[in-house]
Amino acid sequence: MSESCNQLRIDVKSKIPYLIDAIRFWSMDSGMTPQLLINADSPGISLPLEQIQTHDGEVVLNVHDQAVDGFSYEDDFVVFKTRFSGRSFDVAIPFNAVIAIFTRETHEGLHLLALSQADVSSEVDDNEEPTAEPTSPPGKPHLTLVK
């Protein structure tokens, strides 16, 4: 393998913000309410947990444009402002804490937990040699002529 291939680093962006946006916009365009299911026990999460009722460490947040302000992505976080009990709060949720995005009305959406774990494990290390999987040699086709 050439030296330049050893230095190759592939920086693949996370799919999570694109999928959240797709379901969120589809939901709002359909007149429904997009909601995020969050693991409230995840490290790095910034939520006013004293203002929120959790169920088994999970929280459902309304992320409709009418409920949040400044919905965006910074680094590996979903960020926005919202109100809890009449007080404004800045919310920051790491991608790996987002379990799902779905509509309140029909519960249609995407389960994202497996994707966020796959994003972390798909990073390629600079010094890691790519491994080629052995392939079986081409032989006779295994097709049978039917008349």
N, C-alpha and C. Protein backbone atom coordinates (compact mmCIF):
# COMPACT_ATOMS: atom_id res chain seq x y z
N MET A 1 0.85 -1.17 0.00
CA MET A 1 0.00 0.00 0.00
C MET A 1 0.89 1.23 0.00
N SER A 2 0.51 2.23 -0.74
CA SER A 2 1.34 3.43 -0.82
C SER A 2 1.25 4.23 0.47
N GLU A 3 2.25 5.07 0.69
CA GLU A 3 2.31 5.90 1.91
C GLU A 3 1.13 6.86 1.98
N SER A 4 0.69 7.39 0.83
CA SER A 4 -0.42 8.36 0.86
C SER A 4 -1.72 7.71 1.31
N CYS A 5 -1.91 6.43 1.03
CA CYS A 5 -3.13 5.74 1.48
C CYS A 5 -3.13 5.57 2.99
N ASN A 6 -1.94 5.43 3.59
CA ASN A 6 -1.87 5.27 5.04
C ASN A 6 -2.30 6.55 5.76
N GLN A 7 -2.16 7.70 5.12
CA GLN A 7 -2.49 8.97 5.74
C GLN A 7 -3.93 9.41 5.46
N LEU A 8 -4.67 8.61 4.70
CA LEU A 8 -6.03 8.96 4.33
C LEU A 8 -6.94 8.93 5.56
N ARG A 9 -7.68 10.00 5.75
CA ARG A 9 -8.67 10.05 6.83
C ARG A 9 -9.98 10.49 6.23
N ILE A 10 -10.98 9.72 6.47
CA ILE A 10 -12.30 10.03 5.95
C ILE A 10 -13.12 10.64 7.07
N ASP A 11 -13.51 11.90 6.92
CA ASP A 11 -14.35 12.57 7.91
C ASP A 11 -15.79 12.53 7.41
N VAL A 12 -16.51 11.54 7.84
CA VAL A 12 -17.89 11.37 7.45
C VAL A 12 -18.76 12.12 8.45
N LYS A 13 -19.61 12.98 7.95
CA LYS A 13 -20.51 13.73 8.83
C LYS A 13 -21.59 12.80 9.36
N SER A 14 -22.06 13.12 10.54
CA SER A 14 -23.14 12.35 11.15
C SER A 14 -24.42 12.48 10.32
N LYS A 15 -25.15 11.38 10.21
CA LYS A 15 -26.44 11.39 9.52
C LYS A 15 -27.55 11.94 10.40
N ILE A 16 -27.31 11.97 11.70
CA ILE A 16 -28.36 12.32 12.67
C ILE A 16 -29.03 13.66 12.38
N PRO A 17 -28.29 14.78 12.19
CA PRO A 17 -29.01 16.05 11.97
C PRO A 17 -29.84 16.06 10.69
N TYR A 18 -29.38 15.37 9.66
CA TYR A 18 -30.12 15.32 8.41
C TYR A 18 -31.42 14.54 8.58
N LEU A 19 -31.36 13.45 9.32
CA LEU A 19 -32.56 12.65 9.55
C LEU A 19 -33.54 13.37 10.48
N ILE A 20 -33.02 14.03 11.50
CA ILE A 20 -33.89 14.81 12.39
C ILE A 20 -34.60 15.90 11.59
N ASP A 21 -33.84 16.63 10.76
CA ASP A 21 -34.45 17.68 9.94
C ASP A 21 -35.53 17.12 9.02
N ALA A 22 -35.25 15.98 8.38
CA ALA A 22 -36.21 15.40 7.44
C ALA A 22 -37.53 15.08 8.13
N ILE A 23 -37.48 14.39 9.25
CA ILE A 23 -38.71 14.02 9.96
C ILE A 23 -39.37 15.26 10.57
N ARG A 24 -38.56 16.16 11.09
CA ARG A 24 -39.11 17.38 11.72
C ARG A 24 -39.88 18.21 10.69
N PHE A 25 -39.27 18.47 9.53
CA PHE A 25 -39.94 19.28 8.51
C PHE A 25 -41.14 18.56 7.91
N TRP A 26 -41.02 17.26 7.67
CA TRP A 26 -42.14 16.48 7.16
C TRP A 26 -43.32 16.55 8.13
N SER A 27 -43.02 16.41 9.40
CA SER A 27 -44.06 16.45 10.43
C SER A 27 -44.77 17.80 10.43
N MET A 28 -44.01 18.90 10.44
CA MET A 28 -44.62 20.23 10.46
C MET A 28 -45.38 20.52 9.17
N ASP A 29 -44.82 20.09 8.01
CA ASP A 29 -45.52 20.28 6.73
C ASP A 29 -46.84 19.52 6.70
N SER A 30 -46.91 18.42 7.45
CA SER A 30 -48.13 17.60 7.49
C SER A 30 -49.09 18.06 8.57
N GLY A 31 -48.77 19.17 9.24
CA GLY A 31 -49.65 19.69 10.28
C GLY A 31 -49.56 18.93 11.59
N MET A 32 -48.44 18.21 11.79
CA MET A 32 -48.27 17.43 13.02
C MET A 32 -47.16 18.03 13.88
N THR A 33 -46.97 17.46 15.05
CA THR A 33 -46.02 17.97 16.04
C THR A 33 -44.80 17.06 16.14
N PRO A 34 -43.61 17.52 15.72
CA PRO A 34 -42.42 16.69 15.86
C PRO A 34 -41.94 16.67 17.31
N GLN A 35 -41.54 15.48 17.76
CA GLN A 35 -41.05 15.33 19.12
C GLN A 35 -39.76 14.53 19.12
N LEU A 36 -38.86 14.89 20.03
CA LEU A 36 -37.62 14.13 20.23
C LEU A 36 -37.77 13.31 21.49
N LEU A 37 -37.38 12.04 21.42
CA LEU A 37 -37.28 11.19 22.60
C LEU A 37 -35.81 11.20 22.99
N ILE A 38 -35.53 11.64 24.22
CA ILE A 38 -34.17 11.90 24.69
C ILE A 38 -33.84 11.00 25.88
N ASN A 39 -32.60 10.53 25.93
CA ASN A 39 -32.09 9.86 27.13
C ASN A 39 -31.56 10.97 28.04
N ALA A 40 -32.31 11.29 29.07
CA ALA A 40 -31.97 12.41 29.95
C ALA A 40 -30.76 12.13 30.82
N ASP A 41 -30.33 10.87 30.89
CA ASP A 41 -29.16 10.51 31.70
C ASP A 41 -27.85 10.58 30.92
N SER A 42 -27.91 10.94 29.65
CA SER A 42 -26.69 11.00 28.82
C SER A 42 -25.77 12.12 29.29
N PRO A 43 -24.45 11.87 29.25
CA PRO A 43 -23.52 12.94 29.61
C PRO A 43 -23.55 14.06 28.57
N GLY A 44 -23.37 15.28 29.02
CA GLY A 44 -23.30 16.43 28.12
C GLY A 44 -24.64 17.07 27.83
N ILE A 45 -25.70 16.48 28.31
CA ILE A 45 -27.03 17.02 28.03
C ILE A 45 -27.29 18.25 28.90
N SER A 46 -27.90 19.27 28.30
CA SER A 46 -28.22 20.49 29.03
C SER A 46 -29.73 20.71 28.96
N LEU A 47 -30.41 20.25 30.00
CA LEU A 47 -31.86 20.37 30.12
C LEU A 47 -32.19 20.77 31.55
N PRO A 48 -33.23 21.54 31.76
CA PRO A 48 -33.64 21.85 33.13
C PRO A 48 -34.41 20.65 33.71
N LEU A 49 -33.69 19.61 34.11
CA LEU A 49 -34.32 18.37 34.54
C LEU A 49 -35.27 18.55 35.71
N GLU A 50 -35.04 19.58 36.53
CA GLU A 50 -35.96 19.82 37.65
C GLU A 50 -37.32 20.30 37.15
N GLN A 51 -37.39 20.76 35.90
CA GLN A 51 -38.64 21.26 35.32
C GLN A 51 -39.35 20.20 34.47
N ILE A 52 -38.69 19.04 34.29
CA ILE A 52 -39.18 18.05 33.34
C ILE A 52 -39.49 16.74 34.06
N GLN A 53 -40.57 16.12 33.65
CA GLN A 53 -40.91 14.82 34.20
C GLN A 53 -40.29 13.75 33.31
N THR A 54 -39.44 12.89 33.89
CA THR A 54 -38.81 11.82 33.12
C THR A 54 -39.52 10.51 33.38
N HIS A 55 -39.45 9.62 32.42
CA HIS A 55 -40.01 8.28 32.52
C HIS A 55 -38.89 7.30 32.19
N ASP A 56 -38.38 6.60 33.20
CA ASP A 56 -37.26 5.67 33.03
C ASP A 56 -36.05 6.37 32.40
N GLY A 57 -35.81 7.62 32.79
CA GLY A 57 -34.66 8.36 32.29
C GLY A 57 -34.85 8.94 30.91
N GLU A 58 -36.05 8.85 30.36
CA GLU A 58 -36.32 9.37 29.03
C GLU A 58 -37.27 10.57 29.11
N VAL A 59 -37.07 11.50 28.16
CA VAL A 59 -37.87 12.72 28.10
C VAL A 59 -38.34 12.91 26.67
N VAL A 60 -39.58 13.33 26.50
CA VAL A 60 -40.11 13.68 25.19
C VAL A 60 -40.20 15.20 25.11
N LEU A 61 -39.59 15.77 24.06
CA LEU A 61 -39.58 17.23 23.88
C LEU A 61 -40.27 17.60 22.57
N ASN A 62 -41.16 18.57 22.63
CA ASN A 62 -41.81 19.13 21.46
C ASN A 62 -40.78 20.03 20.76
N VAL A 63 -40.47 19.76 19.49
CA VAL A 63 -39.50 20.57 18.75
C VAL A 63 -40.13 21.27 17.54
N HIS A 64 -41.44 21.50 17.62
CA HIS A 64 -42.13 22.26 16.57
C HIS A 64 -41.61 23.70 16.61
N ASP A 65 -41.61 24.38 15.47
CA ASP A 65 -41.16 25.77 15.40
C ASP A 65 -41.92 26.68 16.37
N GLN A 66 -43.18 26.34 16.66
CA GLN A 66 -43.97 27.15 17.59
C GLN A 66 -43.57 26.92 19.04
N ALA A 67 -42.82 25.84 19.30
CA ALA A 67 -42.44 25.51 20.68
C ALA A 67 -40.98 25.84 21.00
N VAL A 68 -40.16 25.98 19.95
CA VAL A 68 -38.73 26.23 20.18
C VAL A 68 -38.28 27.43 19.36
N ASP A 69 -37.15 28.00 19.74
CA ASP A 69 -36.56 29.12 19.02
C ASP A 69 -35.11 28.77 18.71
N GLY A 70 -34.69 29.04 17.49
CA GLY A 70 -33.29 28.84 17.12
C GLY A 70 -32.87 27.39 17.03
N PHE A 71 -33.75 26.51 16.57
CA PHE A 71 -33.41 25.09 16.44
C PHE A 71 -32.28 24.94 15.43
N SER A 72 -31.15 24.37 15.88
CA SER A 72 -30.00 24.22 14.99
C SER A 72 -29.08 23.12 15.54
N TYR A 73 -27.94 22.98 14.89
CA TYR A 73 -26.95 21.98 15.28
C TYR A 73 -25.61 22.67 15.47
N GLU A 74 -24.94 22.35 16.56
CA GLU A 74 -23.60 22.87 16.83
C GLU A 74 -22.74 21.70 17.25
N ASP A 75 -21.65 21.49 16.53
CA ASP A 75 -20.79 20.33 16.76
C ASP A 75 -21.66 19.08 16.70
N ASP A 76 -21.71 18.31 17.74
CA ASP A 76 -22.52 17.09 17.76
C ASP A 76 -23.72 17.23 18.69
N PHE A 77 -24.33 18.43 18.68
CA PHE A 77 -25.46 18.72 19.57
C PHE A 77 -26.63 19.30 18.80
N VAL A 78 -27.84 18.97 19.24
CA VAL A 78 -29.06 19.66 18.84
C VAL A 78 -29.22 20.78 19.86
N VAL A 79 -29.39 22.02 19.40
CA VAL A 79 -29.52 23.15 20.32
C VAL A 79 -30.75 23.98 19.96
N PHE A 80 -31.39 24.52 20.99
CA PHE A 80 -32.53 25.41 20.80
C PHE A 80 -32.88 26.04 22.14
N LYS A 81 -33.75 27.04 22.07
CA LYS A 81 -34.31 27.67 23.28
C LYS A 81 -35.77 27.25 23.35
N THR A 82 -36.23 27.03 24.57
CA THR A 82 -37.63 26.70 24.78
C THR A 82 -38.04 27.12 26.18
N ARG A 83 -39.32 27.00 26.47
CA ARG A 83 -39.84 27.41 27.77
C ARG A 83 -40.34 26.19 28.54
N PHE A 84 -39.99 26.17 29.82
CA PHE A 84 -40.49 25.17 30.76
C PHE A 84 -41.05 25.93 31.95
N SER A 85 -42.29 25.66 32.29
CA SER A 85 -42.95 26.34 33.42
C SER A 85 -42.84 27.86 33.31
N GLY A 86 -42.95 28.38 32.08
CA GLY A 86 -42.94 29.82 31.87
C GLY A 86 -41.58 30.47 31.84
N ARG A 87 -40.50 29.70 32.06
CA ARG A 87 -39.14 30.25 32.03
C ARG A 87 -38.40 29.77 30.79
N SER A 88 -37.60 30.66 30.20
CA SER A 88 -36.83 30.33 29.00
C SER A 88 -35.54 29.60 29.38
N PHE A 89 -35.22 28.55 28.61
CA PHE A 89 -34.01 27.76 28.85
C PHE A 89 -33.31 27.48 27.53
N ASP A 90 -31.97 27.45 27.59
CA ASP A 90 -31.16 26.97 26.48
C ASP A 90 -31.05 25.46 26.64
N VAL A 91 -31.30 24.74 25.56
CA VAL A 91 -31.24 23.28 25.58
C VAL A 91 -30.14 22.83 24.62
N ALA A 92 -29.32 21.88 25.06
CA ALA A 92 -28.29 21.27 24.22
C ALA A 92 -28.36 19.76 24.44
N ILE A 93 -28.53 19.03 23.35
CA ILE A 93 -28.68 17.58 23.44
C ILE A 93 -27.66 16.93 22.51
N PRO A 94 -26.73 16.13 23.05
CA PRO A 94 -25.78 15.43 22.18
C PRO A 94 -26.52 14.46 21.27
N PHE A 95 -26.02 14.30 20.05
CA PHE A 95 -26.66 13.39 19.10
C PHE A 95 -26.86 12.00 19.71
N ASN A 96 -25.87 11.53 20.49
CA ASN A 96 -25.99 10.17 21.02
C ASN A 96 -27.04 10.05 22.13
N ALA A 97 -27.64 11.16 22.54
CA ALA A 97 -28.72 11.13 23.53
C ALA A 97 -30.10 11.12 22.87
N VAL A 98 -30.14 11.35 21.55
CA VAL A 98 -31.42 11.35 20.83
C VAL A 98 -31.78 9.91 20.48
N ILE A 99 -32.84 9.44 21.09
CA ILE A 99 -33.27 8.06 20.85
C ILE A 99 -34.14 7.98 19.60
N ALA A 100 -35.04 8.95 19.42
CA ALA A 100 -35.95 8.91 18.27
C ALA A 100 -36.52 10.29 18.00
N ILE A 101 -37.02 10.47 16.77
CA ILE A 101 -37.83 11.63 16.42
C ILE A 101 -39.10 11.08 15.79
N PHE A 102 -40.24 11.60 16.24
CA PHE A 102 -41.52 11.06 15.79
C PHE A 102 -42.60 12.13 15.92
N THR A 103 -43.76 11.87 15.34
CA THR A 103 -44.87 12.80 15.46
C THR A 103 -45.72 12.44 16.67
N ARG A 104 -46.20 13.45 17.35
CA ARG A 104 -47.07 13.23 18.52
C ARG A 104 -48.36 12.53 18.09
N GLU A 105 -48.89 12.94 16.95
CA GLU A 105 -50.21 12.47 16.54
C GLU A 105 -50.23 11.02 16.07
N THR A 106 -49.24 10.59 15.29
CA THR A 106 -49.27 9.23 14.71
C THR A 106 -48.14 8.34 15.20
N HIS A 107 -47.19 8.92 15.90
CA HIS A 107 -46.00 8.21 16.39
C HIS A 107 -45.13 7.67 15.25
N GLU A 108 -45.30 8.20 14.04
CA GLU A 108 -44.43 7.83 12.94
C GLU A 108 -43.13 8.61 13.07
N GLY A 109 -42.02 8.00 12.68
CA GLY A 109 -40.74 8.68 12.74
C GLY A 109 -39.59 7.71 12.60
N LEU A 110 -38.47 8.05 13.22
CA LEU A 110 -37.27 7.22 13.12
C LEU A 110 -36.68 6.97 14.49
N HIS A 111 -36.23 5.74 14.69
CA HIS A 111 -35.48 5.39 15.89
C HIS A 111 -34.01 5.66 15.55
N LEU A 112 -33.35 6.55 16.27
CA LEU A 112 -32.01 7.01 15.91
C LEU A 112 -30.89 6.47 16.78
N LEU A 113 -31.19 5.80 17.85
CA LEU A 113 -30.16 5.36 18.78
C LEU A 113 -29.12 4.48 18.10
N ALA A 114 -29.55 3.52 17.31
CA ALA A 114 -28.60 2.64 16.62
C ALA A 114 -27.75 3.42 15.63
N LEU A 115 -28.34 4.43 14.97
CA LEU A 115 -27.57 5.24 14.02
C LEU A 115 -26.51 6.07 14.71
N SER A 116 -26.82 6.64 15.87
CA SER A 116 -25.83 7.47 16.56
C SER A 116 -24.67 6.61 17.05
N GLN A 117 -24.93 5.37 17.44
CA GLN A 117 -23.86 4.47 17.84
C GLN A 117 -23.03 4.06 16.63
N ALA A 118 -23.68 3.87 15.48
CA ALA A 118 -22.96 3.52 14.26
C ALA A 118 -22.08 4.67 13.79
N ASP A 119 -22.55 5.93 13.95
CA ASP A 119 -21.74 7.09 13.58
C ASP A 119 -20.43 7.10 14.35
N VAL A 120 -20.48 6.78 15.63
CA VAL A 120 -19.28 6.78 16.47
C VAL A 120 -18.34 5.67 16.04
N SER A 121 -18.88 4.49 15.74
CA SER A 121 -18.02 3.36 15.41
C SER A 121 -17.51 3.40 13.98
N SER A 122 -18.07 4.27 13.12
CA SER A 122 -17.65 4.31 11.72
C SER A 122 -16.49 5.25 11.46
N GLU A 123 -15.99 5.93 12.50
CA GLU A 123 -14.84 6.81 12.30
C GLU A 123 -13.62 5.98 11.94
N VAL A 124 -12.83 6.47 10.96
CA VAL A 124 -11.66 5.76 10.49
C VAL A 124 -10.42 6.39 11.10
N ASP A 125 -9.56 5.57 11.68
CA ASP A 125 -8.33 6.05 12.30
C ASP A 125 -7.25 6.22 11.24
N ASP A 126 -6.41 7.24 11.40
CA ASP A 126 -5.33 7.50 10.45
C ASP A 126 -4.38 6.32 10.30
N ASN A 127 -4.07 5.65 11.38
CA ASN A 127 -3.06 4.60 11.36
C ASN A 127 -3.65 3.22 11.14
N GLU A 128 -4.94 3.13 10.99
CA GLU A 128 -5.58 1.85 10.83
C GLU A 128 -5.47 1.40 9.39
N GLU A 129 -5.00 0.18 9.19
CA GLU A 129 -4.92 -0.38 7.86
C GLU A 129 -6.29 -0.91 7.48
N PRO A 130 -6.79 -0.57 6.29
CA PRO A 130 -8.05 -1.16 5.89
C PRO A 130 -7.86 -2.65 5.66
N THR A 131 -8.80 -3.44 6.11
CA THR A 131 -8.69 -4.88 5.94
C THR A 131 -9.57 -5.31 4.79
N ALA A 132 -9.00 -6.10 3.92
CA ALA A 132 -9.75 -6.62 2.79
C ALA A 132 -10.36 -7.95 3.20
N GLU A 133 -11.64 -8.09 2.96
CA GLU A 133 -12.29 -9.35 3.28
C GLU A 133 -11.98 -10.34 2.18
N PRO A 134 -11.68 -11.58 2.56
CA PRO A 134 -11.38 -12.57 1.54
C PRO A 134 -12.63 -12.85 0.71
N THR A 135 -12.42 -12.94 -0.58
CA THR A 135 -13.54 -13.26 -1.46
C THR A 135 -13.27 -14.62 -2.07
N SER A 136 -14.33 -15.34 -2.31
CA SER A 136 -14.15 -16.66 -2.91
C SER A 136 -13.82 -16.47 -4.39
N PRO A 137 -12.96 -17.32 -4.91
CA PRO A 137 -12.58 -17.17 -6.32
C PRO A 137 -13.79 -17.45 -7.21
N PRO A 138 -13.84 -16.75 -8.34
CA PRO A 138 -14.96 -17.00 -9.24
C PRO A 138 -14.88 -18.41 -9.79
N GLY A 139 -15.97 -19.06 -9.81
CA GLY A 139 -16.04 -20.43 -10.34
C GLY A 139 -17.18 -20.52 -11.31
N LYS A 140 -17.65 -21.75 -11.49
CA LYS A 140 -18.79 -21.95 -12.37
C LYS A 140 -20.02 -21.31 -11.74
N PRO A 141 -20.87 -20.72 -12.55
CA PRO A 141 -22.10 -20.18 -12.01
C PRO A 141 -22.98 -21.32 -11.47
N HIS A 142 -23.74 -21.02 -10.47
CA HIS A 142 -24.60 -22.03 -9.86
C HIS A 142 -26.03 -21.90 -10.37
N LEU A 143 -26.16 -21.75 -11.66
CA LEU A 143 -27.47 -21.62 -12.27
C LEU A 143 -27.82 -22.92 -12.99
N THR A 144 -29.08 -23.27 -12.99
CA THR A 144 -29.54 -24.47 -13.67
C THR A 144 -30.47 -24.05 -14.79
N LEU A 145 -30.28 -24.63 -15.94
CA LEU A 145 -31.12 -24.34 -17.09
C LEU A 145 -32.44 -25.07 -16.93
N VAL A 146 -33.53 -24.34 -16.99
CA VAL A 146 -34.86 -24.92 -16.86
C VAL A 146 -35.53 -24.79 -18.21
N LYS A 147 -36.07 -25.94 -18.71
CA LYS A 147 -36.73 -25.92 -20.02
C LYS A 147 -38.20 -26.08 -19.88
